[in-house]
Amino acid sequence: PMLIARADTLAQIINIFCQAPHHSRDIVSSFSSNHTRLTLQGMGGLGKTTLAAMAVNLIDLRQTFDHILWLNLGSFFRGSNKNNLTLAMYLDCLRKICNQLQISGEIFNREIILQPGDNATMIAFKTLQAIEKFKADMSYLLRGLNIFIVLDDVWSHEDVELFNFGDSSSSFGILLTSRTIDTGPRPGSHSIIVSLLTQEESKTLFIIEAG
């Protein structure tokens, strides 16, 4: 299939995460915040994932961050009746991050210890405690690094905060694609509505396809 680069949208993405052309990772102070989040929102088939893939290959973004990570969250929910990450799903995500960083993910193979008398409330409490502990463990592994992570096909915006591993000594960017609207965006978050191709973009595509 033909790809039509949406230059205006890509420029917006770079401006939000890098603030200035040819931004260097040594100039952290030019970020409006150490933690920046951007949502590419729109119905399926409009090219949100393609835009994210194009963005992470731009030199400005690659010069800004030490590592660029990618997770497809939607793959966990297809054919499932869930739309929030379970502990097992979250641990799988953390191991994928370790794999992309080429570091050991052994600490994310542990399971929570349940007792025979634990009721649903206690199990939920222990699960939440474990998730917070594993998040802290990943934050420790990433300390001091400028990290950019793409969360593709987000079904629940509640899950996004699980991947905010940044600390005060590093810059952390999250780019997510989603068909749903974040009804409770955090301070400093941004969103871009990905719409249908403009008339000019449609014309360009027609000319390319027509040869």
Protein backbone atom coordinates (compact mmCIF):
# COMPACT_ATOMS: atom_id res chain seq x y z
CA PRO A 1 0.00 0.00 0.00
CA MET A 2 1.05 3.60 -0.64
CA LEU A 3 2.05 5.72 2.35
CA ILE A 4 1.23 9.43 2.33
CA ALA A 5 3.43 11.30 4.78
CA ARG A 6 1.39 13.79 6.81
CA ALA A 7 4.13 16.39 7.18
CA ASP A 8 2.07 18.75 9.35
CA THR A 9 1.20 16.00 11.84
CA LEU A 10 4.78 14.72 11.97
CA ALA A 11 5.99 18.27 12.60
CA GLN A 12 3.51 18.57 15.49
CA ILE A 13 4.81 15.35 17.02
CA ILE A 14 8.42 16.50 16.80
CA ASN A 15 7.55 19.93 18.18
CA ILE A 16 5.77 18.43 21.19
CA PHE A 17 8.55 16.01 22.10
CA CYS A 18 11.61 17.94 20.96
CA GLN A 19 10.47 21.57 21.17
CA ALA A 20 13.02 22.70 18.57
CA PRO A 21 14.61 21.36 15.35
CA HIS A 22 17.74 19.23 15.81
CA HIS A 23 17.17 19.05 19.58
CA SER A 24 20.04 17.32 21.38
CA ARG A 25 19.60 14.89 24.26
CA ASP A 26 22.10 17.06 26.18
CA ILE A 27 19.66 19.98 26.27
CA VAL A 28 17.02 18.49 28.54
CA SER A 29 15.98 21.94 29.79
CA SER A 30 14.25 22.73 26.48
CA PHE A 31 11.48 20.26 27.35
CA SER A 32 8.40 21.92 28.78
CA SER A 33 8.27 18.95 31.14
CA ASN A 34 10.44 15.92 31.81
CA HIS A 35 7.42 13.74 31.10
CA THR A 36 5.52 14.35 27.88
CA ARG A 37 2.54 12.39 26.60
CA LEU A 38 0.84 12.62 23.21
CA THR A 39 -2.19 10.70 21.96
CA LEU A 40 -2.86 10.10 18.26
CA GLN A 41 -6.61 9.57 18.35
CA GLY A 42 -8.95 8.51 15.56
CA MET A 43 -10.99 5.68 14.12
CA GLY A 44 -9.32 2.56 12.78
CA GLY A 45 -7.60 2.57 9.42
CA LEU A 46 -6.57 6.25 9.39
CA GLY A 47 -2.85 5.56 9.76
CA LYS A 48 -2.17 6.30 13.44
CA THR A 49 0.30 3.42 13.76
CA THR A 50 1.99 4.39 10.50
CA LEU A 51 2.38 7.96 11.72
CA ALA A 52 3.94 6.73 14.96
CA ALA A 53 6.35 4.51 13.00
CA MET A 54 7.32 7.44 10.78
CA ALA A 55 7.86 9.69 13.80
CA VAL A 56 10.24 7.33 15.60
CA ASN A 57 12.41 7.16 12.50
CA LEU A 58 12.91 10.94 12.34
CA ILE A 59 16.40 12.09 13.30
CA ASP A 60 15.17 14.84 15.65
CA LEU A 61 13.42 12.33 17.87
CA ARG A 62 16.25 9.81 17.70
CA GLN A 63 18.76 12.49 18.73
CA THR A 64 16.56 13.46 21.68
CA PHE A 65 16.12 10.05 23.33
CA ASP A 66 18.57 7.34 24.35
CA HIS A 67 16.16 4.50 23.58
CA ILE A 68 12.94 4.17 21.58
CA LEU A 69 10.61 1.35 22.67
CA TRP A 70 7.44 -0.01 21.08
CA LEU A 71 4.58 -2.02 22.61
CA ASN A 72 1.37 -3.09 20.87
CA LEU A 73 -1.14 -3.18 23.72
CA GLY A 74 -4.12 -3.96 21.48
CA SER A 75 -2.67 -7.39 20.68
CA PHE A 76 -3.43 -8.48 24.26
CA PHE A 77 -7.16 -7.80 23.95
CA ARG A 78 -8.13 -9.15 20.54
CA GLY A 79 -10.36 -12.17 21.10
CA SER A 80 -10.49 -11.38 24.81
CA ASN A 81 -13.28 -10.02 26.99
CA LYS A 82 -10.82 -7.72 28.80
CA ASN A 83 -9.81 -4.16 27.98
CA ASN A 84 -7.41 -3.51 30.89
CA LEU A 85 -4.00 -5.09 31.35
CA THR A 86 -3.83 -7.93 33.84
CA LEU A 87 -0.71 -8.56 35.93
CA ALA A 88 0.38 -11.32 33.54
CA MET A 89 -0.07 -9.01 30.53
CA TYR A 90 1.86 -6.24 32.28
CA LEU A 91 4.75 -8.54 33.10
CA ASP A 92 4.82 -9.66 29.47
CA CYS A 93 5.10 -5.99 28.45
CA LEU A 94 7.96 -5.40 30.89
CA ARG A 95 9.84 -8.42 29.54
CA LYS A 96 9.35 -7.12 25.99
CA ILE A 97 10.85 -3.79 27.07
CA CYS A 98 13.85 -5.58 28.56
CA ASN A 99 14.26 -7.55 25.35
CA GLN A 100 14.26 -4.33 23.30
CA LEU A 101 16.83 -2.83 25.67
CA GLN A 102 18.85 -6.06 25.49
CA ILE A 103 18.92 -6.44 29.26
CA SER A 104 17.79 -9.28 31.51
CA GLY A 105 14.08 -9.39 32.35
CA GLU A 106 14.44 -12.16 34.91
CA ILE A 107 13.03 -10.03 37.75
CA PHE A 108 9.72 -9.85 35.87
CA ASN A 109 9.18 -13.62 35.94
CA ARG A 110 8.08 -13.64 39.59
CA GLU A 111 4.52 -14.40 40.68
CA ILE A 112 2.53 -13.00 43.60
CA ILE A 113 2.10 -15.28 46.59
CA LEU A 114 -1.52 -16.02 47.41
CA GLN A 115 -2.80 -17.76 50.52
CA PRO A 116 -5.67 -20.29 50.54
CA GLY A 117 -7.85 -17.92 52.58
CA ASP A 118 -7.34 -14.85 50.36
CA ASN A 119 -10.66 -13.42 49.21
CA ALA A 120 -11.22 -11.36 46.06
CA THR A 121 -10.42 -8.09 47.85
CA MET A 122 -7.11 -9.40 49.19
CA ILE A 123 -6.15 -10.85 45.80
CA ALA A 124 -6.90 -7.50 44.13
CA PHE A 125 -4.83 -5.70 46.80
CA LYS A 126 -1.84 -8.02 46.37
CA THR A 127 -2.09 -7.73 42.58
CA LEU A 128 -2.06 -3.93 42.76
CA GLN A 129 0.90 -4.02 45.14
CA ALA A 130 2.78 -6.32 42.75
CA ILE A 131 2.08 -4.07 39.75
CA GLU A 132 3.38 -1.02 41.64
CA LYS A 133 6.48 -2.97 42.70
CA PHE A 134 7.22 -4.14 39.16
CA LYS A 135 6.70 -0.62 37.83
CA ALA A 136 9.20 0.68 40.40
CA ASP A 137 11.66 -2.04 39.38
CA MET A 138 11.45 -0.98 35.73
CA SER A 139 11.79 2.69 36.70
CA TYR A 140 15.00 1.77 38.54
CA LEU A 141 16.38 -0.04 35.48
CA LEU A 142 15.66 3.02 33.31
CA ARG A 143 16.89 5.66 35.79
CA GLY A 144 18.85 8.47 34.20
CA LEU A 145 17.95 7.45 30.64
CA ASN A 146 15.93 9.53 28.19
CA ILE A 147 13.26 7.05 27.07
CA PHE A 148 10.62 7.30 24.36
CA ILE A 149 7.93 4.63 24.30
CA VAL A 150 5.17 4.05 21.78
CA LEU A 151 2.03 2.40 23.15
CA ASP A 152 0.17 1.27 20.06
CA ASP A 153 -3.57 0.57 20.01
CA VAL A 154 -4.41 1.57 23.58
CA TRP A 155 -7.84 0.31 24.65
CA SER A 156 -7.89 1.79 28.15
CA HIS A 157 -6.14 5.03 29.04
CA GLU A 158 -5.90 3.81 32.64
CA ASP A 159 -3.14 1.45 31.48
CA VAL A 160 -0.92 4.25 30.17
CA GLU A 161 0.25 5.39 33.59
CA LEU A 162 1.71 1.92 34.17
CA PHE A 163 4.37 2.82 31.60
CA ASN A 164 5.35 6.22 32.97
CA PHE A 165 8.78 5.13 34.21
CA GLY A 166 10.48 8.54 34.08
CA ASP A 167 12.14 10.26 37.03
CA SER A 168 13.39 13.77 37.71
CA SER A 169 16.81 13.01 36.22
CA SER A 170 15.56 11.92 32.81
CA SER A 171 13.22 12.86 29.99
CA PHE A 172 10.40 10.46 29.25
CA GLY A 173 8.07 10.59 26.26
CA ILE A 174 4.98 8.48 25.64
CA LEU A 175 3.31 8.42 22.23
CA LEU A 176 0.10 6.42 22.15
CA THR A 177 -2.36 5.56 19.42
CA SER A 178 -5.97 4.95 20.35
CA ARG A 179 -9.49 4.84 18.95
CA THR A 180 -10.89 6.03 22.28
CA ILE A 181 -10.85 9.48 23.84
CA ASP A 182 -8.97 10.04 27.10
CA THR A 183 -11.69 11.42 29.38
CA GLY A 184 -9.22 12.28 32.14
CA PRO A 185 -5.99 13.52 30.53
CA ARG A 186 -3.11 14.28 32.90
CA PRO A 187 -1.55 17.77 33.06
CA GLY A 188 0.96 18.28 30.26
CA SER A 189 -0.63 15.71 27.96
CA HIS A 190 -1.40 16.47 24.32
CA SER A 191 -3.64 14.97 21.67
CA ILE A 192 -3.84 15.06 17.89
CA ILE A 193 -6.99 13.98 16.09
CA VAL A 194 -5.97 11.92 13.07
CA SER A 195 -8.60 12.56 10.41
CA LEU A 196 -9.21 11.48 6.84
CA LEU A 197 -6.74 12.56 4.16
CA THR A 198 -7.03 16.17 3.07
CA GLN A 199 -8.08 16.98 -0.48
CA GLU A 200 -4.46 17.65 -1.42
CA GLU A 201 -3.26 14.38 0.16
CA SER A 202 -6.04 12.47 -1.60
CA LYS A 203 -5.02 14.08 -4.90
CA THR A 204 -1.40 13.08 -4.35
CA LEU A 205 -2.42 9.50 -3.60
CA PHE A 206 -4.61 9.39 -6.73
CA ILE A 207 -1.75 10.64 -8.92
CA ILE A 208 0.66 8.06 -7.46
CA GLU A 209 -1.81 5.20 -7.90
CA ALA A 210 -2.70 6.32 -11.42
CA GLY A 211 0.96 6.31 -12.38
